Amino acid sequence: MPKPKRFNKNIIKKIAEIRISYLFGKVEEIFPENRDLANRYTYLARKYAQRAKIEIPEKWNKRICHKCKKFLYPGINCRIRLHSKGKGSHVSLTCFECYRTTRYFIKLKRTF
């Protein structure tokens, strides 16, 4: 009985990266018209990344709610605020689906 073919892991990761970038491009286009399909594409992109054991690029990872895993489109289903007092400068993203607030801190460069 012949052995099953094993694919090179680098090829699988490259294919997954291409599919993820394609799906997020489609999500960006389709979200205002069809939210359910856009959230389905986000789900599929996350599954591709998990299966290939790669990280979703930071550009897109910050556009996914960390609680409900839905795509965040500013002004439609999320709110973005800039804060520069208190705990430090940060951007806060609030999802309108689950009302989770995520903070991304901004590192300031000090030049003396």
Protein backbone atom coordinates (compact mmCIF):
# COMPACT_ATOMS: atom_id res chain seq x y z
CA MET A 1 0.00 0.00 0.00
CA PRO A 2 1.54 3.36 -1.01
CA LYS A 3 2.28 6.03 1.56
CA PRO A 4 0.05 9.11 1.54
CA LYS A 5 1.61 12.24 0.08
CA ARG A 6 2.78 14.83 2.57
CA PHE A 7 2.71 18.45 1.56
CA ASN A 8 5.52 20.76 2.47
CA LYS A 9 4.48 22.90 5.46
CA ASN A 10 5.87 26.03 3.84
CA ILE A 11 3.58 25.56 0.85
CA ILE A 12 0.56 25.09 3.11
CA LYS A 13 1.43 28.25 5.06
CA LYS A 14 1.90 30.25 1.86
CA ILE A 15 -1.48 29.10 0.51
CA ALA A 16 -3.13 29.97 3.83
CA GLU A 17 -1.60 33.46 3.78
CA ILE A 18 -2.90 34.05 0.26
CA ARG A 19 -6.39 32.84 1.19
CA ILE A 20 -6.47 34.95 4.35
CA SER A 21 -5.46 38.13 2.54
CA TYR A 22 -8.02 37.43 -0.21
CA LEU A 23 -10.82 36.80 2.29
CA PHE A 24 -10.10 39.95 4.29
CA GLY A 25 -10.03 41.97 1.07
CA LYS A 26 -13.49 40.62 0.24
CA VAL A 27 -14.69 41.30 3.79
CA GLU A 28 -13.65 44.94 3.44
CA GLU A 29 -15.67 45.26 0.21
CA ILE A 30 -18.79 43.33 1.17
CA PHE A 31 -19.34 44.32 4.82
CA PRO A 32 -21.60 47.36 4.26
CA GLU A 33 -24.01 45.32 2.10
CA ASN A 34 -23.96 41.88 3.73
CA ARG A 35 -22.69 41.58 7.32
CA ASP A 36 -23.46 37.87 7.69
CA LEU A 37 -21.35 36.92 4.67
CA ALA A 38 -18.53 39.19 5.82
CA ASN A 39 -18.53 37.58 9.28
CA ARG A 40 -18.50 34.15 7.62
CA TYR A 41 -15.42 35.15 5.60
CA THR A 42 -13.77 36.33 8.83
CA TYR A 43 -14.56 32.98 10.45
CA LEU A 44 -13.04 31.11 7.48
CA ALA A 45 -9.90 33.27 7.51
CA ARG A 46 -9.43 32.56 11.22
CA LYS A 47 -9.85 28.83 10.61
CA TYR A 48 -7.26 28.89 7.79
CA ALA A 49 -4.80 30.58 10.15
CA GLN A 50 -5.45 28.07 12.92
CA ARG A 51 -5.14 25.11 10.59
CA ALA A 52 -1.85 26.30 9.09
CA LYS A 53 -0.58 27.48 12.50
CA ILE A 54 0.12 31.03 11.36
CA GLU A 55 -0.86 34.37 12.81
CA ILE A 56 -3.35 36.67 11.17
CA PRO A 57 -1.50 39.84 10.11
CA GLU A 58 -1.73 42.65 12.68
CA LYS A 59 -3.45 44.85 10.12
CA TRP A 60 -6.43 42.49 10.08
CA ASN A 61 -6.19 41.07 13.60
CA LYS A 62 -7.05 44.46 15.08
CA ARG A 63 -10.20 44.51 12.95
CA ILE A 64 -11.63 41.38 14.65
CA CYS A 65 -13.44 41.60 17.98
CA HIS A 66 -11.57 39.52 20.55
CA LYS A 67 -14.77 38.40 22.27
CA CYS A 68 -17.41 37.73 19.60
CA LYS A 69 -14.88 37.24 16.71
CA LYS A 70 -16.82 39.45 14.29
CA PHE A 71 -15.30 41.88 11.80
CA LEU A 72 -15.12 45.46 13.07
CA TYR A 73 -16.01 48.18 10.58
CA PRO A 74 -15.51 51.66 12.09
CA GLY A 75 -18.68 53.73 12.20
CA ILE A 76 -20.98 50.79 11.46
CA ASN A 77 -20.44 48.23 14.21
CA CYS A 78 -17.58 49.69 16.25
CA ARG A 79 -16.41 52.95 17.75
CA ILE A 80 -12.80 54.17 17.81
CA ARG A 81 -11.58 56.66 20.39
CA LEU A 82 -8.15 58.16 21.03
CA HIS A 83 -7.12 58.73 24.66
CA SER A 84 -4.02 60.54 25.84
CA LYS A 85 -4.50 60.89 29.60
CA GLY A 86 -4.59 58.59 32.58
CA LYS A 87 -3.02 55.20 31.89
CA GLY A 88 -1.16 56.52 28.85
CA SER A 89 -1.93 57.14 25.24
CA HIS A 90 -4.09 54.44 23.72
CA VAL A 91 -6.73 53.73 21.10
CA SER A 92 -9.93 52.12 22.37
CA LEU A 93 -12.15 50.06 20.09
CA THR A 94 -15.69 49.30 21.26
CA CYS A 95 -17.65 46.56 19.49
CA PHE A 96 -21.39 47.29 19.19
CA GLU A 97 -22.23 43.56 18.91
CA CYS A 98 -20.94 42.55 22.37
CA TYR A 99 -19.88 45.95 23.83
CA ARG A 100 -16.34 44.76 24.51
CA THR A 101 -13.71 47.51 24.68
CA THR A 102 -10.21 46.67 23.49
CA ARG A 103 -7.30 49.02 24.12
CA TYR A 104 -4.19 49.31 21.97
CA PHE A 105 -1.49 51.29 23.73
CA ILE A 106 0.68 53.69 21.75
CA LYS A 107 4.40 53.70 22.46
CA LEU A 108 5.81 57.20 22.32
CA LYS A 109 9.34 57.86 21.12
CA ARG A 110 11.24 60.16 23.44
CA THR A 111 13.93 62.33 21.93
CA PHE A 112 16.06 64.40 24.25
